[in-house]
PDB file of all heavy atoms in Angstrom:
ATOM      1  N   GLY A   1     -18.467  29.047   8.042  1.00  0.00           N
ATOM      2  CA  GLY A   1     -18.657  27.906   8.936  1.00  0.00           C
ATOM      3  C   GLY A   1     -17.467  27.611   9.775  1.00  0.00           C
ATOM      4  O   GLY A   1     -17.364  28.059  10.943  1.00  0.00           O
ATOM      5  N   VAL A   2     -16.460  26.934   9.219  1.00  0.00           N
ATOM      6  CA  VAL A   2     -15.310  26.518  10.001  1.00  0.00           C
ATOM      7  C   VAL A   2     -14.452  27.674  10.468  1.00  0.00           C
ATOM      8  O   VAL A   2     -14.138  27.841  11.677  1.00  0.00           O
ATOM      9  CB  VAL A   2     -14.425  25.557   9.194  1.00  0.00           C
ATOM     10  CG1 VAL A   2     -13.156  25.224   9.942  1.00  0.00           C
ATOM     11  CG2 VAL A   2     -15.188  24.262   8.892  1.00  0.00           C
ATOM     12  N   LEU A   3     -14.114  28.604   9.531  1.00  0.00           N
ATOM     13  CA  LEU A   3     -13.223  29.759   9.932  1.00  0.00           C
ATOM     14  C   LEU A   3     -13.921  30.719  10.893  1.00  0.00           C
ATOM     15  O   LEU A   3     -13.312  31.263  11.774  1.00  0.00           O
ATOM     16  CB  LEU A   3     -12.765  30.502   8.677  1.00  0.00           C
ATOM     17  CG  LEU A   3     -11.837  29.716   7.737  1.00  0.00           C
ATOM     18  CD1 LEU A   3     -11.395  30.590   6.567  1.00  0.00           C
ATOM     19  CD2 LEU A   3     -10.643  29.190   8.497  1.00  0.00           C
ATOM     20  N   ALA A   4     -15.239  30.843  10.704  1.00  0.00           N
ATOM     21  CA  ALA A   4     -15.998  31.682  11.688  1.00  0.00           C
ATOM     22  C   ALA A   4     -15.939  31.068  13.065  1.00  0.00           C
ATOM     23  O   ALA A   4     -15.781  31.789  14.082  1.00  0.00           O
ATOM     24  CB  ALA A   4     -17.431  31.839  11.209  1.00  0.00           C
ATOM     25  N   GLY A   5     -16.027  29.722  13.173  1.00  0.00           N
ATOM     26  CA  GLY A   5     -15.928  29.048  14.441  1.00  0.00           C
ATOM     27  C   GLY A   5     -14.567  29.279  15.088  1.00  0.00           C
ATOM     28  O   GLY A   5     -14.436  29.488  16.307  1.00  0.00           O
ATOM     29  N   VAL A   6     -13.498  29.207  14.273  1.00  0.00           N
ATOM     30  CA  VAL A   6     -12.154  29.471  14.781  1.00  0.00           C
ATOM     31  C   VAL A   6     -12.032  30.898  15.240  1.00  0.00           C
ATOM     32  O   VAL A   6     -11.460  31.169  16.313  1.00  0.00           O
ATOM     33  CB  VAL A   6     -11.121  29.145  13.685  1.00  0.00           C
ATOM     34  CG1 VAL A   6      -9.729  29.574  14.148  1.00  0.00           C
ATOM     35  CG2 VAL A   6     -11.162  27.666  13.331  1.00  0.00           C
ATOM     36  N   LEU A   7     -12.538  31.838  14.460  1.00  0.00           N
ATOM     37  CA  LEU A   7     -12.448  33.262  14.814  1.00  0.00           C
ATOM     38  C   LEU A   7     -13.230  33.588  16.089  1.00  0.00           C
ATOM     39  O   LEU A   7     -12.791  34.381  16.900  1.00  0.00           O
ATOM     40  CB  LEU A   7     -12.953  34.104  13.650  1.00  0.00           C
ATOM     41  CG  LEU A   7     -12.688  35.621  13.718  1.00  0.00           C
ATOM     42  CD1 LEU A   7     -11.179  35.887  13.823  1.00  0.00           C
ATOM     43  CD2 LEU A   7     -13.272  36.301  12.483  1.00  0.00           C
ATOM     44  N   ILE A   8     -14.393  32.906  16.244  1.00  0.00           N
ATOM     45  CA  ILE A   8     -15.160  33.084  17.484  1.00  0.00           C
ATOM     46  C   ILE A   8     -14.344  32.648  18.701  1.00  0.00           C
ATOM     47  O   ILE A   8     -14.326  33.311  19.728  1.00  0.00           O
ATOM     48  CB  ILE A   8     -16.479  32.302  17.380  1.00  0.00           C
ATOM     49  CG1 ILE A   8     -17.446  32.953  16.425  1.00  0.00           C
ATOM     50  CG2 ILE A   8     -17.161  32.179  18.769  1.00  0.00           C
ATOM     51  CD1 ILE A   8     -18.642  32.100  16.050  1.00  0.00           C
ATOM     52  N   THR A   9     -13.631  31.522  18.562  1.00  0.00           N
ATOM     53  CA  THR A   9     -12.832  31.004  19.648  1.00  0.00           C
ATOM     54  C   THR A   9     -11.654  31.957  19.929  1.00  0.00           C
ATOM     55  O   THR A   9     -11.299  32.173  21.125  1.00  0.00           O
ATOM     56  CB  THR A   9     -12.322  29.578  19.330  1.00  0.00           C
ATOM     57  OG1 THR A   9     -13.412  28.734  19.023  1.00  0.00           O
ATOM     58  CG2 THR A   9     -11.514  29.021  20.477  1.00  0.00           C
ATOM     59  N   MET A  10     -11.043  32.460  18.900  1.00  0.00           N
ATOM     60  CA  MET A  10      -9.850  33.293  19.073  1.00  0.00           C
ATOM     61  C   MET A  10     -10.177  34.735  19.522  1.00  0.00           C
ATOM     62  O   MET A  10      -9.413  35.351  20.269  1.00  0.00           O
ATOM     63  CB  MET A  10      -9.052  33.367  17.765  1.00  0.00           C
ATOM     64  CG  MET A  10      -8.458  32.012  17.360  1.00  0.00           C
ATOM     65  SD  MET A  10      -7.626  32.123  15.731  1.00  0.00           S
ATOM     66  CE  MET A  10      -6.361  33.330  16.088  1.00  0.00           C
ATOM     67  N   THR A  11     -11.335  35.242  19.097  1.00  0.00           N
ATOM     68  CA  THR A  11     -11.697  36.628  19.395  1.00  0.00           C
ATOM     69  C   THR A  11     -13.002  36.644  20.178  1.00  0.00           C
ATOM     70  O   THR A  11     -13.052  36.492  21.371  1.00  0.00           O
ATOM     71  CB  THR A  11     -11.725  37.489  18.144  1.00  0.00           C
ATOM     72  OG1 THR A  11     -12.713  36.956  17.222  1.00  0.00           O
ATOM     73  CG2 THR A  11     -10.399  37.567  17.444  1.00  0.00           C
ATOM     74  N   SER A  12     -14.082  36.897  19.481  1.00  0.00           N
ATOM     75  CA  SER A  12     -15.413  36.913  20.050  1.00  0.00           C
ATOM     76  C   SER A  12     -16.468  36.785  18.990  1.00  0.00           C
ATOM     77  O   SER A  12     -16.185  36.927  17.800  1.00  0.00           O
ATOM     78  CB  SER A  12     -15.623  38.237  20.856  1.00  0.00           C
ATOM     79  OG  SER A  12     -15.667  39.322  19.919  1.00  0.00           O
ATOM     80  N   TRP A  13     -17.696  36.525  19.438  1.00  0.00           N
ATOM     81  CA  TRP A  13     -18.826  36.450  18.479  1.00  0.00           C
ATOM     82  C   TRP A  13     -18.984  37.786  17.777  1.00  0.00           C
ATOM     83  O   TRP A  13     -19.212  37.863  16.549  1.00  0.00           O
ATOM     84  CB  TRP A  13     -20.113  36.079  19.212  1.00  0.00           C
ATOM     85  CG  TRP A  13     -20.254  34.639  19.519  1.00  0.00           C
ATOM     86  CD1 TRP A  13     -19.738  33.979  20.615  1.00  0.00           C
ATOM     87  CD2 TRP A  13     -20.902  33.642  18.719  1.00  0.00           C
ATOM     88  NE1 TRP A  13     -20.042  32.652  20.550  1.00  0.00           N
ATOM     89  CE2 TRP A  13     -20.778  32.402  19.409  1.00  0.00           C
ATOM     90  CE3 TRP A  13     -21.613  33.685  17.522  1.00  0.00           C
ATOM     91  CZ2 TRP A  13     -21.331  31.229  18.947  1.00  0.00           C
ATOM     92  CZ3 TRP A  13     -22.162  32.515  17.048  1.00  0.00           C
ATOM     93  CH2 TRP A  13     -22.013  31.288  17.745  1.00  0.00           C
ATOM     94  N   SER A  14     -18.929  38.859  18.543  1.00  0.00           N
ATOM     95  CA  SER A  14     -19.153  40.216  17.949  1.00  0.00           C
ATOM     96  C   SER A  14     -18.129  40.565  16.891  1.00  0.00           C
ATOM     97  O   SER A  14     -18.446  41.014  15.798  1.00  0.00           O
ATOM     98  CB  SER A  14     -19.122  41.282  19.072  1.00  0.00           C
ATOM     99  OG  SER A  14     -20.198  41.063  19.940  1.00  0.00           O
ATOM    100  N   MET A  15     -16.850  40.291  17.181  1.00  0.00           N
ATOM    101  CA  MET A  15     -15.787  40.564  16.227  1.00  0.00           C
ATOM    102  C   MET A  15     -15.956  39.769  14.932  1.00  0.00           C
ATOM    103  O   MET A  15     -15.767  40.261  13.823  1.00  0.00           O
ATOM    104  CB  MET A  15     -14.425  40.291  16.832  1.00  0.00           C
ATOM    105  CG  MET A  15     -13.254  40.559  15.913  1.00  0.00           C
ATOM    106  SD  MET A  15     -13.220  42.288  15.266  1.00  0.00           S
ATOM    107  CE  MET A  15     -12.858  43.171  16.802  1.00  0.00           C
ATOM    108  N   THR A  16     -16.350  38.508  15.083  1.00  0.00           N
ATOM    109  CA  THR A  16     -16.550  37.639  13.914  1.00  0.00           C
ATOM    110  C   THR A  16     -17.627  38.176  13.022  1.00  0.00           C
ATOM    111  O   THR A  16     -17.436  38.227  11.785  1.00  0.00           O
ATOM    112  CB  THR A  16     -16.931  36.231  14.392  1.00  0.00           C
ATOM    113  OG1 THR A  16     -15.889  35.721  15.264  1.00  0.00           O
ATOM    114  CG2 THR A  16     -17.107  35.295  13.228  1.00  0.00           C
ATOM    115  N   PHE A  17     -18.748  38.609  13.571  1.00  0.00           N
ATOM    116  CA  PHE A  17     -19.824  39.146  12.747  1.00  0.00           C
ATOM    117  C   PHE A  17     -19.470  40.513  12.161  1.00  0.00           C
ATOM    118  O   PHE A  17     -19.917  40.863  11.037  1.00  0.00           O
ATOM    119  CB  PHE A  17     -21.134  39.229  13.522  1.00  0.00           C
ATOM    120  CG  PHE A  17     -21.917  37.938  13.484  1.00  0.00           C
ATOM    121  CD1 PHE A  17     -21.493  36.840  14.218  1.00  0.00           C
ATOM    122  CD2 PHE A  17     -23.010  37.794  12.703  1.00  0.00           C
ATOM    123  CE1 PHE A  17     -22.207  35.658  14.186  1.00  0.00           C
ATOM    124  CE2 PHE A  17     -23.721  36.608  12.627  1.00  0.00           C
ATOM    125  CZ  PHE A  17     -23.305  35.542  13.368  1.00  0.00           C
ATOM    126  N   LEU A  18     -18.648  41.308  12.859  1.00  0.00           N
ATOM    127  CA  LEU A  18     -18.186  42.567  12.303  1.00  0.00           C
ATOM    128  C   LEU A  18     -17.287  42.342  11.094  1.00  0.00           C
ATOM    129  O   LEU A  18     -17.387  43.070  10.078  1.00  0.00           O
ATOM    130  CB  LEU A  18     -17.444  43.366  13.348  1.00  0.00           C
ATOM    131  CG  LEU A  18     -18.298  43.993  14.476  1.00  0.00           C
ATOM    132  CD1 LEU A  18     -17.404  44.607  15.548  1.00  0.00           C
ATOM    133  CD2 LEU A  18     -19.286  44.992  13.934  1.00  0.00           C
ATOM    134  N   VAL A  19     -16.429  41.301  11.158  1.00  0.00           N
ATOM    135  CA  VAL A  19     -15.592  40.941  10.006  1.00  0.00           C
ATOM    136  C   VAL A  19     -16.477  40.576   8.822  1.00  0.00           C
ATOM    137  O   VAL A  19     -16.219  40.976   7.669  1.00  0.00           O
ATOM    138  CB  VAL A  19     -14.626  39.826  10.364  1.00  0.00           C
ATOM    139  CG1 VAL A  19     -13.901  39.274   9.132  1.00  0.00           C
ATOM    140  CG2 VAL A  19     -13.579  40.302  11.377  1.00  0.00           C
ATOM    141  N   GLY A  20     -17.517  39.777   9.064  1.00  0.00           N
ATOM    142  CA  GLY A  20     -18.439  39.425   7.988  1.00  0.00           C
ATOM    143  C   GLY A  20     -19.069  40.631   7.379  1.00  0.00           C
ATOM    144  O   GLY A  20     -19.236  40.709   6.141  1.00  0.00           O
ATOM    145  N   GLY A  21     -19.450  41.619   8.192  1.00  0.00           N
ATOM    146  CA  GLY A  21     -20.036  42.844   7.657  1.00  0.00           C
ATOM    147  C   GLY A  21     -19.090  43.608   6.777  1.00  0.00           C
ATOM    148  O   GLY A  21     -19.451  44.146   5.736  1.00  0.00           O
ATOM    149  N   VAL A  22     -17.818  43.668   7.171  1.00  0.00           N
ATOM    150  CA  VAL A  22     -16.803  44.364   6.356  1.00  0.00           C
ATOM    151  C   VAL A  22     -16.635  43.680   4.998  1.00  0.00           C
ATOM    152  O   VAL A  22     -16.513  44.361   3.967  1.00  0.00           O
ATOM    153  CB  VAL A  22     -15.461  44.426   7.110  1.00  0.00           C
ATOM    154  CG1 VAL A  22     -14.338  44.893   6.214  1.00  0.00           C
ATOM    155  CG2 VAL A  22     -15.577  45.317   8.360  1.00  0.00           C
ATOM    156  N   LEU A  23     -16.613  42.332   4.992  1.00  0.00           N
ATOM    157  CA  LEU A  23     -16.486  41.647   3.708  1.00  0.00           C
ATOM    158  C   LEU A  23     -17.605  41.958   2.753  1.00  0.00           C
ATOM    159  O   LEU A  23     -17.446  42.100   1.551  1.00  0.00           O
ATOM    160  CB  LEU A  23     -16.371  40.117   3.946  1.00  0.00           C
ATOM    161  CG  LEU A  23     -15.089  39.649   4.648  1.00  0.00           C
ATOM    162  CD1 LEU A  23     -15.170  38.151   4.932  1.00  0.00           C
ATOM    163  CD2 LEU A  23     -13.866  39.946   3.811  1.00  0.00           C
ATOM    164  N   ALA A  24     -18.841  42.038   3.292  1.00  0.00           N
ATOM    165  CA  ALA A  24     -20.003  42.349   2.470  1.00  0.00           C
ATOM    166  C   ALA A  24     -19.885  43.755   1.892  1.00  0.00           C
ATOM    167  O   ALA A  24     -20.187  43.997   0.695  1.00  0.00           O
ATOM    168  CB  ALA A  24     -21.283  42.226   3.293  1.00  0.00           C
ATOM    169  N   VAL A  25     -19.400  44.707   2.670  1.00  0.00           N
ATOM    170  CA  VAL A  25     -19.229  46.068   2.180  1.00  0.00           C
ATOM    171  C   VAL A  25     -18.141  46.119   1.095  1.00  0.00           C
ATOM    172  O   VAL A  25     -18.314  46.799   0.061  1.00  0.00           O
ATOM    173  CB  VAL A  25     -18.844  47.003   3.333  1.00  0.00           C
ATOM    174  CG1 VAL A  25     -18.435  48.390   2.828  1.00  0.00           C
ATOM    175  CG2 VAL A  25     -20.027  47.148   4.307  1.00  0.00           C
ATOM    176  N   VAL A  26     -17.082  45.369   1.240  1.00  0.00           N
ATOM    177  CA  VAL A  26     -15.995  45.300   0.236  1.00  0.00           C
ATOM    178  C   VAL A  26     -16.576  44.751  -1.074  1.00  0.00           C
ATOM    179  O   VAL A  26     -16.272  45.249  -2.180  1.00  0.00           O
ATOM    180  CB  VAL A  26     -14.820  44.443   0.723  1.00  0.00           C
ATOM    181  CG1 VAL A  26     -13.835  44.205  -0.386  1.00  0.00           C
ATOM    182  CG2 VAL A  26     -14.114  45.149   1.871  1.00  0.00           C
ATOM    183  N   ALA A  27     -17.389  43.722  -0.982  1.00  0.00           N
ATOM    184  CA  ALA A  27     -18.013  43.134  -2.168  1.00  0.00           C
ATOM    185  C   ALA A  27     -18.864  44.192  -2.901  1.00  0.00           C
ATOM    186  O   ALA A  27     -18.895  44.280  -4.100  1.00  0.00           O
ATOM    187  CB  ALA A  27     -18.852  41.898  -1.796  1.00  0.00           C
ATOM    188  N   GLY A  28     -19.601  44.986  -2.118  1.00  0.00           N
ATOM    189  CA  GLY A  28     -20.452  46.003  -2.687  1.00  0.00           C
ATOM    190  C   GLY A  28     -19.662  47.050  -3.466  1.00  0.00           C
ATOM    191  O   GLY A  28     -20.020  47.371  -4.609  1.00  0.00           O
ATOM    192  N   PHE A  29     -18.588  47.550  -2.885  1.00  0.00           N
ATOM    193  CA  PHE A  29     -17.817  48.549  -3.595  1.00  0.00           C
ATOM    194  C   PHE A  29     -17.092  47.979  -4.826  1.00  0.00           C
ATOM    195  O   PHE A  29     -16.834  48.675  -5.786  1.00  0.00           O
ATOM    196  CB  PHE A  29     -16.828  49.194  -2.607  1.00  0.00           C
ATOM    197  CG  PHE A  29     -17.467  50.243  -1.731  1.00  0.00           C
ATOM    198  CD1 PHE A  29     -17.729  49.989  -0.394  1.00  0.00           C
ATOM    199  CD2 PHE A  29     -17.809  51.499  -2.237  1.00  0.00           C
ATOM    200  CE1 PHE A  29     -18.294  50.938   0.418  1.00  0.00           C
ATOM    201  CE2 PHE A  29     -18.415  52.460  -1.487  1.00  0.00           C
ATOM    202  CZ  PHE A  29     -18.654  52.187  -0.104  1.00  0.00           C
ATOM    203  N   SER A  30     -16.777  46.683  -4.773  1.00  0.00           N
ATOM    204  CA  SER A  30     -16.127  46.043  -5.895  1.00  0.00           C
ATOM    205  C   SER A  30     -17.037  46.041  -7.146  1.00  0.00           C
ATOM    206  O   SER A  30     -16.596  46.042  -8.275  1.00  0.00           O
ATOM    207  CB  SER A  30     -15.704  44.617  -5.589  1.00  0.00           C
ATOM    208  OG  SER A  30     -14.774  44.576  -4.529  1.00  0.00           O
ATOM    209  N   ALA A  31     -18.351  46.033  -6.904  1.00  0.00           N
ATOM    210  CA  ALA A  31     -19.293  45.985  -8.000  1.00  0.00           C
ATOM    211  C   ALA A  31     -19.213  47.190  -8.891  1.00  0.00           C
ATOM    212  O   ALA A  31     -19.570  47.139 -10.088  1.00  0.00           O
ATOM    213  CB  ALA A  31     -20.731  45.842  -7.497  1.00  0.00           C
ATOM    214  N   PHE A  32     -18.760  48.337  -8.327  1.00  0.00           N
ATOM    215  CA  PHE A  32     -18.631  49.542  -9.131  1.00  0.00           C
ATOM    216  C   PHE A  32     -17.632  49.429 -10.259  1.00  0.00           C
ATOM    217  O   PHE A  32     -17.630  50.161 -11.230  1.00  0.00           O
ATOM    218  CB  PHE A  32     -18.271  50.738  -8.243  1.00  0.00           C
ATOM    219  CG  PHE A  32     -19.316  51.095  -7.249  1.00  0.00           C
ATOM    220  CD1 PHE A  32     -18.967  51.252  -5.889  1.00  0.00           C
ATOM    221  CD2 PHE A  32     -20.629  51.232  -7.592  1.00  0.00           C
ATOM    222  CE1 PHE A  32     -19.928  51.591  -4.959  1.00  0.00           C
ATOM    223  CE2 PHE A  32     -21.616  51.533  -6.657  1.00  0.00           C
ATOM    224  CZ  PHE A  32     -21.258  51.718  -5.337  1.00  0.00           C
ATOM    225  N   LEU A  33     -16.740  48.394 -10.168  1.00  0.00           N
ATOM    226  CA  LEU A  33     -15.711  48.204 -11.167  1.00  0.00           C
ATOM    227  C   LEU A  33     -16.231  47.468 -12.380  1.00  0.00           C
ATOM    228  O   LEU A  33     -15.605  47.475 -13.452  1.00  0.00           O
ATOM    229  CB  LEU A  33     -14.553  47.415 -10.570  1.00  0.00           C
ATOM    230  CG  LEU A  33     -13.836  47.986  -9.364  1.00  0.00           C
ATOM    231  CD1 LEU A  33     -12.800  47.009  -8.836  1.00  0.00           C
ATOM    232  CD2 LEU A  33     -13.143  49.304  -9.717  1.00  0.00           C
ATOM    233  N   LEU A  34     -17.382  46.817 -12.267  1.00  0.00           N
ATOM    234  CA  LEU A  34     -17.852  45.911 -13.350  1.00  0.00           C
ATOM    235  C   LEU A  34     -18.307  46.625 -14.578  1.00  0.00           C
ATOM    236  O   LEU A  34     -18.822  47.752 -14.521  1.00  0.00           O
ATOM    237  CB  LEU A  34     -19.017  45.063 -12.790  1.00  0.00           C
ATOM    238  CG  LEU A  34     -18.668  44.036 -11.701  1.00  0.00           C
ATOM    239  CD1 LEU A  34     -19.989  43.419 -11.170  1.00  0.00           C
ATOM    240  CD2 LEU A  34     -17.765  42.962 -12.247  1.00  0.00           C
ATOM    241  N   ARG A  35     -18.123  45.980 -15.705  1.00  0.00           N
ATOM    242  CA  ARG A  35     -18.702  46.403 -16.993  1.00  0.00           C
ATOM    243  C   ARG A  35     -18.735  45.133 -17.882  1.00  0.00           C
ATOM    244  O   ARG A  35     -17.967  44.206 -17.657  1.00  0.00           O
ATOM    245  CB  ARG A  35     -17.863  47.521 -17.641  1.00  0.00           C
ATOM    246  CG  ARG A  35     -16.469  47.130 -18.060  1.00  0.00           C
ATOM    247  CD  ARG A  35     -15.774  48.273 -18.797  1.00  0.00           C
ATOM    248  NE  ARG A  35     -14.433  47.904 -19.256  1.00  0.00           N
ATOM    249  CZ  ARG A  35     -13.327  48.042 -18.539  1.00  0.00           C
ATOM    250  NH1 ARG A  35     -13.418  48.574 -17.297  1.00  0.00           N
ATOM    251  NH2 ARG A  35     -12.159  47.703 -19.033  1.00  0.00           N
ATOM    252  N   PRO A  36     -19.621  45.111 -18.870  1.00  0.00           N
ATOM    253  CA  PRO A  36     -19.763  43.904 -19.731  1.00  0.00           C
ATOM    254  C   PRO A  36     -18.450  43.597 -20.439  1.00  0.00           C
ATOM    255  O   PRO A  36     -17.725  44.477 -20.874  1.00  0.00           O
ATOM    256  CB  PRO A  36     -20.843  44.285 -20.720  1.00  0.00           C
ATOM    257  CG  PRO A  36     -21.634  45.335 -20.035  1.00  0.00           C
ATOM    258  CD  PRO A  36     -20.615  46.128 -19.239  1.00  0.00           C
ATOM    259  N   PRO A  37     -18.068  42.324 -20.552  1.00  0.00           N
ATOM    260  CA  PRO A  37     -16.853  41.911 -21.260  1.00  0.00           C
ATOM    261  C   PRO A  37     -17.015  42.135 -22.762  1.00  0.00           C
ATOM    262  O   PRO A  37     -18.134  42.134 -23.270  1.00  0.00           O
ATOM    263  CB  PRO A  37     -16.699  40.424 -20.944  1.00  0.00           C
ATOM    264  CG  PRO A  37     -18.120  39.992 -20.670  1.00  0.00           C
ATOM    265  CD  PRO A  37     -18.797  41.139 -20.033  1.00  0.00           C
TER     266      PRO A  37
END
């Protein structure tokens, strides 16, 4: 919400959504580390 609005102002709409896509991919690869406690 707020930070995306700031990033849109500082860069562009496209760059902001690309950053969001990268974060989702990072979350996906992090899942490979999981195992039951």
